[in-house]
Amino acid sequence: MLNDNLIYIILIAVVALVALTVNYVITTREQQEDAKDKRLTWLKGQAEHILHAIAVLREANCKPEIVQKINEHATSLLEEVSMLAPDSELFNSLSQQKDASDKAYASPEAFASDKSLKRAQIYINFAEKLVIQLAKGGKITLTLARSYQQELYWLRITVVVDAHISQGDKFKSTEDMMTALSHYRHAKALLVRANIPHNIKRPRLDSVDEMINQIQPKRTRSTGTLSDSMDRFL
């Protein structure tokens, strides 16, 4: 009788141990799947933003070395997706998007619409923040990241400046001089306010000044007047 009870106790203990083991395995797998799903969701969002940014940078004729560094980071994210979810719809979708971003090229008409121009500003600004993240992750030096950030900031300014100049040229060709002048002045105001060394933006400022003067030549005024100050700014 005592032996029978002992056997029952052992069997119950074994069954309990098996149940606990099975429960642990199931729980662990569920946690792993949950962590995997969360990681894939993050990778999807991050990769899509980066690939959109790469396409915009290529369209804006960004310096190749900056595009290359960001592209390398995008490739590493896609490689992680392929490890976590090989042959998945997500991996195929991101691969197609990467192919499209790799084929993007600089074009004068790339940012002709307000929507495309806003998109460019958003993704170039995203790239400015991304290069700092790459530095924090040890993928590039902080000095290089700061240099890239400055380049991208200037690119963001010039994309908008060039869009205003392009619009100004179109209105000028249709003899709508006042609208053209408005666009040229907007371009100049952006350049004046840009936090960029003067020697870098001087050539563009001179070019825009010439466009403005062709439509509205500066009038001779006494020095030191408010009108003179406004003319120098606009």
Protein backbone atom coordinates (compact mmCIF):
# COMPACT_ATOMS: atom_id res chain seq x y z
CA MET A 1 0.00 0.00 0.00
CA LEU A 2 2.79 2.37 0.88
CA ASN A 3 4.58 1.52 -2.36
CA ASP A 4 1.40 2.17 -4.33
CA ASN A 5 1.01 5.61 -2.74
CA LEU A 6 4.63 6.39 -3.47
CA ILE A 7 4.17 5.43 -7.12
CA TYR A 8 1.09 7.64 -7.35
CA ILE A 9 3.00 10.56 -5.86
CA ILE A 10 5.86 10.05 -8.29
CA LEU A 11 3.45 9.81 -11.25
CA ILE A 12 1.67 12.99 -10.14
CA ALA A 13 5.03 14.73 -9.77
CA VAL A 14 6.13 13.57 -13.21
CA VAL A 15 2.85 14.69 -14.80
CA ALA A 16 3.13 18.08 -13.05
CA LEU A 17 6.73 18.44 -14.20
CA VAL A 18 5.80 17.58 -17.77
CA ALA A 19 2.90 20.03 -17.64
CA LEU A 20 5.14 22.77 -16.29
CA THR A 21 7.75 22.02 -18.96
CA VAL A 22 5.17 22.08 -21.75
CA ASN A 23 3.69 25.31 -20.40
CA TYR A 24 7.16 26.87 -20.20
CA VAL A 25 7.98 25.85 -23.76
CA ILE A 26 4.66 27.19 -25.07
CA THR A 27 5.00 30.44 -23.11
CA THR A 28 8.60 30.89 -24.26
CA ARG A 29 7.63 30.31 -27.88
CA GLU A 30 4.74 32.76 -27.58
CA GLN A 31 7.07 35.37 -26.08
CA GLN A 32 9.60 34.75 -28.83
CA GLU A 33 6.92 35.06 -31.52
CA ASP A 34 5.62 38.23 -29.89
CA ALA A 35 9.13 39.70 -29.74
CA LYS A 36 9.69 38.65 -33.36
CA ASP A 37 6.43 40.28 -34.50
CA LYS A 38 7.28 43.50 -32.67
CA ARG A 39 10.77 43.54 -34.17
CA LEU A 40 9.42 42.95 -37.68
CA THR A 41 6.89 45.75 -37.22
CA TRP A 42 9.69 48.11 -36.18
CA LEU A 43 11.91 46.95 -39.04
CA LYS A 44 9.07 47.47 -41.52
CA GLY A 45 8.44 51.06 -40.43
CA GLN A 46 12.12 51.96 -40.21
CA ALA A 47 13.08 50.33 -43.51
CA GLU A 48 10.18 51.92 -45.41
CA HIS A 49 11.10 55.40 -44.12
CA ILE A 50 14.78 54.91 -44.97
CA LEU A 51 14.04 53.61 -48.47
CA HIS A 52 11.73 56.57 -49.14
CA ALA A 53 14.51 58.86 -47.91
CA ILE A 54 17.07 57.20 -50.20
CA ALA A 55 14.80 57.73 -53.22
CA VAL A 56 14.35 61.41 -52.32
CA LEU A 57 18.09 61.89 -51.75
CA ARG A 58 18.87 60.42 -55.16
CA GLU A 59 16.22 62.62 -56.79
CA ALA A 60 17.72 65.66 -55.03
CA ASN A 61 21.21 64.74 -56.26
CA CYS A 62 22.55 64.26 -52.73
CA LYS A 63 26.25 63.50 -52.31
CA PRO A 64 26.82 59.81 -53.18
CA GLU A 65 28.79 59.04 -50.01
CA ILE A 66 25.84 60.08 -47.84
CA VAL A 67 23.40 58.00 -49.88
CA GLN A 68 25.81 55.06 -49.70
CA LYS A 69 26.03 55.11 -45.89
CA ILE A 70 22.26 55.29 -45.52
CA ASN A 71 21.84 52.60 -48.16
CA GLU A 72 24.20 50.31 -46.24
CA HIS A 73 22.03 50.74 -43.15
CA ALA A 74 18.90 49.94 -45.18
CA THR A 75 20.56 46.79 -46.50
CA SER A 76 21.39 45.64 -42.96
CA LEU A 77 17.73 46.06 -41.96
CA LEU A 78 16.56 44.03 -44.96
CA GLU A 79 19.06 41.31 -44.10
CA GLU A 80 17.56 41.10 -40.61
CA VAL A 81 14.07 40.85 -42.08
CA SER A 82 15.25 38.01 -44.35
CA MET A 83 16.60 36.16 -41.29
CA LEU A 84 13.43 36.62 -39.23
CA ALA A 85 10.92 36.13 -42.05
CA PRO A 86 12.52 34.63 -45.18
CA ASP A 87 10.28 34.50 -48.28
CA SER A 88 7.66 36.56 -46.42
CA GLU A 89 5.41 39.14 -48.07
CA LEU A 90 7.15 41.81 -45.97
CA PHE A 91 10.60 40.88 -47.22
CA ASN A 92 9.42 40.77 -50.84
CA SER A 93 7.68 44.13 -50.47
CA LEU A 94 10.76 45.79 -48.94
CA SER A 95 13.01 44.24 -51.59
CA GLN A 96 10.83 45.73 -54.33
CA GLN A 97 10.86 49.11 -52.61
CA LYS A 98 14.66 48.97 -52.35
CA ASP A 99 14.96 48.19 -56.06
CA ALA A 100 12.80 51.23 -56.80
CA SER A 101 14.83 53.50 -54.51
CA ASP A 102 18.08 52.29 -56.08
CA LYS A 103 16.74 53.24 -59.52
CA ALA A 104 15.72 56.79 -58.49
CA TYR A 105 17.70 59.53 -60.21
CA ALA A 106 18.07 63.29 -60.13
CA SER A 107 15.51 65.16 -62.19
CA PRO A 108 14.64 68.88 -62.50
CA GLU A 109 10.94 67.92 -62.34
CA ALA A 110 11.26 65.67 -59.28
CA PHE A 111 9.86 68.33 -56.92
CA ALA A 112 7.65 70.30 -59.27
CA SER A 113 4.48 69.85 -57.18
CA ASP A 114 3.78 71.05 -53.65
CA LYS A 115 3.17 67.44 -52.58
CA SER A 116 6.51 66.17 -53.90
CA LEU A 117 8.31 69.16 -52.41
CA LYS A 118 6.76 68.55 -48.98
CA ARG A 119 7.70 64.88 -49.27
CA ALA A 120 11.29 65.86 -50.03
CA GLN A 121 11.48 68.14 -46.99
CA ILE A 122 10.08 65.42 -44.71
CA TYR A 123 12.48 62.70 -45.83
CA ILE A 124 15.59 64.88 -46.03
CA ASN A 125 14.82 66.03 -42.48
CA PHE A 126 14.44 62.35 -41.54
CA ALA A 127 17.86 61.63 -43.09
CA GLU A 128 19.39 64.46 -41.02
CA LYS A 129 18.26 62.72 -37.84
CA LEU A 130 19.19 59.28 -39.15
CA VAL A 131 22.88 60.08 -39.66
CA ILE A 132 23.10 61.08 -35.99
CA GLN A 133 21.49 57.74 -35.04
CA LEU A 134 24.07 55.96 -37.18
CA ALA A 135 26.81 57.73 -35.25
CA LYS A 136 25.26 56.71 -31.92
CA GLY A 137 25.16 53.15 -33.19
CA GLY A 138 28.83 53.27 -34.05
CA LYS A 139 28.30 52.94 -37.81
CA ILE A 140 29.91 56.30 -38.60
CA THR A 141 31.89 58.79 -36.55
CA LEU A 142 30.08 61.67 -34.86
CA THR A 143 32.27 64.15 -36.77
CA LEU A 144 31.21 62.60 -40.08
CA ALA A 145 27.57 62.55 -38.94
CA ARG A 146 27.69 66.28 -38.14
CA SER A 147 29.18 66.95 -41.55
CA TYR A 148 26.48 64.86 -43.25
CA GLN A 149 23.80 66.58 -41.17
CA GLN A 150 25.00 69.99 -42.37
CA GLU A 151 25.07 68.78 -45.98
CA LEU A 152 21.53 67.44 -45.68
CA TYR A 153 20.27 70.63 -44.06
CA TRP A 154 21.71 72.64 -46.96
CA LEU A 155 20.18 70.17 -49.42
CA ARG A 156 16.78 70.65 -47.78
CA ILE A 157 17.11 74.42 -48.22
CA THR A 158 18.33 74.28 -51.83
CA VAL A 159 15.58 71.86 -52.88
CA VAL A 160 12.98 74.45 -51.89
CA VAL A 161 15.05 77.33 -53.31
CA ASP A 162 15.40 75.55 -56.65
CA ALA A 163 11.67 74.81 -56.70
CA HIS A 164 10.89 78.53 -56.27
CA ILE A 165 13.41 79.44 -58.96
CA SER A 166 11.89 76.87 -61.33
CA GLN A 167 8.40 78.26 -60.69
CA GLY A 168 9.71 81.78 -61.14
CA ASP A 169 11.23 80.86 -64.49
CA LYS A 170 7.93 79.35 -65.66
CA PHE A 171 5.93 82.45 -64.73
CA LYS A 172 8.59 84.67 -66.30
CA SER A 173 8.28 82.74 -69.57
CA THR A 174 4.53 83.54 -69.59
CA GLU A 175 5.22 87.24 -68.91
CA ASP A 176 3.73 87.02 -65.39
CA MET A 177 6.61 89.04 -63.97
CA MET A 178 5.12 89.85 -60.56
CA THR A 179 4.46 86.20 -59.73
CA ALA A 180 7.93 85.28 -60.99
CA LEU A 181 9.43 88.04 -58.84
CA SER A 182 7.55 86.71 -55.80
CA HIS A 183 9.08 83.25 -56.28
CA TYR A 184 12.59 84.67 -56.74
CA ARG A 185 12.22 86.75 -53.59
CA HIS A 186 11.03 83.71 -51.63
CA ALA A 187 14.11 81.86 -52.84
CA LYS A 188 16.36 84.69 -51.72
CA ALA A 189 14.70 84.95 -48.31
CA LEU A 190 15.29 81.23 -47.72
CA LEU A 191 18.96 81.61 -48.62
CA VAL A 192 19.39 84.66 -46.40
CA ARG A 193 17.87 82.88 -43.40
CA ALA A 194 19.73 79.61 -43.94
CA ASN A 195 22.20 78.83 -41.16
CA ILE A 196 25.01 78.19 -43.64
CA PRO A 197 28.40 79.96 -44.03
CA HIS A 198 28.01 82.94 -46.33
CA ASN A 199 30.75 81.83 -48.72
CA ILE A 200 28.79 78.64 -49.45
CA LYS A 201 25.47 80.33 -50.21
CA ARG A 202 26.95 83.43 -51.87
CA PRO A 203 26.93 81.99 -55.44
CA ARG A 204 23.25 81.11 -55.20
CA LEU A 205 22.41 84.47 -53.66
CA ASP A 206 24.22 86.27 -56.48
CA SER A 207 22.34 84.19 -59.04
CA VAL A 208 18.93 84.93 -57.48
CA ASP A 209 19.83 88.63 -57.14
CA GLU A 210 20.48 88.72 -60.87
CA MET A 211 17.08 87.15 -61.59
CA ILE A 212 15.37 89.70 -59.37
CA ASN A 213 17.25 92.61 -60.93
CA GLN A 214 16.32 91.51 -64.45
CA ILE A 215 12.67 91.99 -63.54
CA GLN A 216 12.98 94.87 -61.11
CA PRO A 217 16.32 96.67 -61.30
CA LYS A 218 17.38 98.39 -58.11
CA ARG A 219 16.57 102.08 -58.02
CA THR A 220 19.11 104.61 -56.91
CA ARG A 221 18.29 105.82 -53.43
CA SER A 222 20.12 107.73 -50.77
CA THR A 223 22.18 105.45 -48.56
CA GLY A 224 20.93 104.42 -45.15
CA THR A 225 17.18 104.50 -45.89
CA LEU A 226 14.70 101.84 -44.91
CA SER A 227 14.00 101.18 -48.60
CA ASP A 228 17.67 100.42 -49.18
CA SER A 229 17.66 97.96 -46.30
CA MET A 230 14.61 96.19 -47.70
CA ASP A 231 16.15 96.01 -51.17
CA ARG A 232 19.28 94.42 -49.77
CA PHE A 233 17.21 91.79 -47.99
CA LEU A 234 14.77 91.07 -50.85
